[in-house]
Amino acid sequence: MQQIDLIAIDQALQRLRALDVRLEQVFELRFFGGCTIEETAEVLELSTATVERDLRAARAFVAAQFQESV
């Protein structure tokens, strides 16, 4: 079973928030809030295309943060 490093996730999200608050909000709503793309778009008053684009960028950022910490 793979362990989840909650401190590393929190640090990555803090860096993402410093870079772009909306990207961090999209990431949190999807992965911690369990919202769908459509629900995330509605909550943040964005189009679904924008949410999808932001989610790709946020995932890439968080993944890069984990690559750097290894």
C-alpha atoms as a PDB file:
ATOM      1  CA  MET A   1       0.000   0.000   0.000  1.00  0.00           C
ATOM      2  CA  GLN A   2       1.340   3.425  -0.978  1.00  0.00           C
ATOM      3  CA  GLN A   3       1.668   5.984   1.808  1.00  0.00           C
ATOM      4  CA  ILE A   4       0.344   9.482   1.285  1.00  0.00           C
ATOM      5  CA  ASP A   5       2.566  12.300   2.507  1.00  0.00           C
ATOM      6  CA  LEU A   6      -0.015  14.838   3.671  1.00  0.00           C
ATOM      7  CA  ILE A   7       2.643  17.367   4.620  1.00  0.00           C
ATOM      8  CA  ALA A   8       4.126  17.246   1.113  1.00  0.00           C
ATOM      9  CA  ILE A   9       0.649  17.617  -0.419  1.00  0.00           C
ATOM     10  CA  ASP A  10      -0.086  20.602   1.817  1.00  0.00           C
ATOM     11  CA  GLN A  11       3.246  22.228   0.928  1.00  0.00           C
ATOM     12  CA  ALA A  12       2.653  21.686  -2.794  1.00  0.00           C
ATOM     13  CA  LEU A  13      -0.822  23.223  -2.515  1.00  0.00           C
ATOM     14  CA  GLN A  14       0.551  26.203  -0.592  1.00  0.00           C
ATOM     15  CA  ARG A  15       3.068  26.824  -3.395  1.00  0.00           C
ATOM     16  CA  LEU A  16       0.305  26.413  -5.989  1.00  0.00           C
ATOM     17  CA  ARG A  17      -1.891  28.914  -4.115  1.00  0.00           C
ATOM     18  CA  ALA A  18       0.989  31.424  -4.073  1.00  0.00           C
ATOM     19  CA  LEU A  19       1.281  31.000  -7.831  1.00  0.00           C
ATOM     20  CA  ASP A  20      -2.423  30.881  -8.737  1.00  0.00           C
ATOM     21  CA  VAL A  21      -5.287  30.800  -6.235  1.00  0.00           C
ATOM     22  CA  ARG A  22      -7.838  29.566  -8.782  1.00  0.00           C
ATOM     23  CA  LEU A  23      -5.724  26.552  -9.755  1.00  0.00           C
ATOM     24  CA  GLU A  24      -5.448  25.584  -6.100  1.00  0.00           C
ATOM     25  CA  GLN A  25      -9.207  25.982  -5.623  1.00  0.00           C
ATOM     26  CA  VAL A  26      -9.947  23.786  -8.653  1.00  0.00           C
ATOM     27  CA  PHE A  27      -7.548  21.116  -7.393  1.00  0.00           C
ATOM     28  CA  GLU A  28      -9.019  21.117  -3.884  1.00  0.00           C
ATOM     29  CA  LEU A  29     -12.627  21.018  -5.062  1.00  0.00           C
ATOM     30  CA  ARG A  30     -11.925  18.076  -7.363  1.00  0.00           C
ATOM     31  CA  PHE A  31      -9.678  15.955  -5.162  1.00  0.00           C
ATOM     32  CA  PHE A  32     -10.669  16.842  -1.626  1.00  0.00           C
ATOM     33  CA  GLY A  33     -14.201  18.108  -2.175  1.00  0.00           C
ATOM     34  CA  GLY A  34     -15.131  15.317  -4.560  1.00  0.00           C
ATOM     35  CA  CYS A  35     -16.787  17.754  -6.963  1.00  0.00           C
ATOM     36  CA  THR A  36     -17.279  16.878 -10.611  1.00  0.00           C
ATOM     37  CA  ILE A  37     -15.940  19.135 -13.359  1.00  0.00           C
ATOM     38  CA  GLU A  38     -19.427  20.573 -13.737  1.00  0.00           C
ATOM     39  CA  GLU A  39     -19.850  21.170 -10.002  1.00  0.00           C
ATOM     40  CA  THR A  40     -16.425  22.792  -9.770  1.00  0.00           C
ATOM     41  CA  ALA A  41     -17.292  25.069 -12.678  1.00  0.00           C
ATOM     42  CA  GLU A  42     -20.559  26.054 -11.024  1.00  0.00           C
ATOM     43  CA  VAL A  43     -18.978  26.764  -7.619  1.00  0.00           C
ATOM     44  CA  LEU A  44     -16.193  28.879  -9.119  1.00  0.00           C
ATOM     45  CA  GLU A  45     -18.422  30.410 -11.808  1.00  0.00           C
ATOM     46  CA  LEU A  46     -16.181  29.176 -14.613  1.00  0.00           C
ATOM     47  CA  SER A  47     -16.760  27.247 -17.805  1.00  0.00           C
ATOM     48  CA  THR A  48     -16.123  23.516 -17.757  1.00  0.00           C
ATOM     49  CA  ALA A  49     -13.378  24.042 -20.350  1.00  0.00           C
ATOM     50  CA  THR A  50     -11.604  26.458 -17.999  1.00  0.00           C
ATOM     51  CA  VAL A  51     -11.899  24.004 -15.103  1.00  0.00           C
ATOM     52  CA  GLU A  52     -10.475  21.196 -17.245  1.00  0.00           C
ATOM     53  CA  ARG A  53      -7.577  23.396 -18.371  1.00  0.00           C
ATOM     54  CA  ASP A  54      -6.904  24.609 -14.815  1.00  0.00           C
ATOM     55  CA  LEU A  55      -7.050  21.048 -13.500  1.00  0.00           C
ATOM     56  CA  ARG A  56      -4.434  19.891 -16.017  1.00  0.00           C
ATOM     57  CA  ALA A  57      -2.160  22.769 -15.007  1.00  0.00           C
ATOM     58  CA  ALA A  58      -2.701  22.149 -11.278  1.00  0.00           C
ATOM     59  CA  ARG A  59      -2.013  18.415 -11.616  1.00  0.00           C
ATOM     60  CA  ALA A  60       1.172  19.107 -13.555  1.00  0.00           C
ATOM     61  CA  PHE A  61       2.335  21.608 -10.939  1.00  0.00           C
ATOM     62  CA  VAL A  62       1.654  19.272  -8.005  1.00  0.00           C
ATOM     63  CA  ALA A  63       3.324  16.354  -9.811  1.00  0.00           C
ATOM     64  CA  ALA A  64       6.397  18.514 -10.494  1.00  0.00           C
ATOM     65  CA  GLN A  65       6.565  19.455  -6.811  1.00  0.00           C
ATOM     66  CA  PHE A  66       6.696  15.773  -5.878  1.00  0.00           C
ATOM     67  CA  GLN A  67       9.382  15.090  -8.500  1.00  0.00           C
ATOM     68  CA  GLU A  68      11.517  17.860  -6.995  1.00  0.00           C
ATOM     69  CA  SER A  69      11.130  16.508  -3.464  1.00  0.00           C
ATOM     70  CA  VAL A  70      12.363  13.027  -4.392  1.00  0.00           C
END
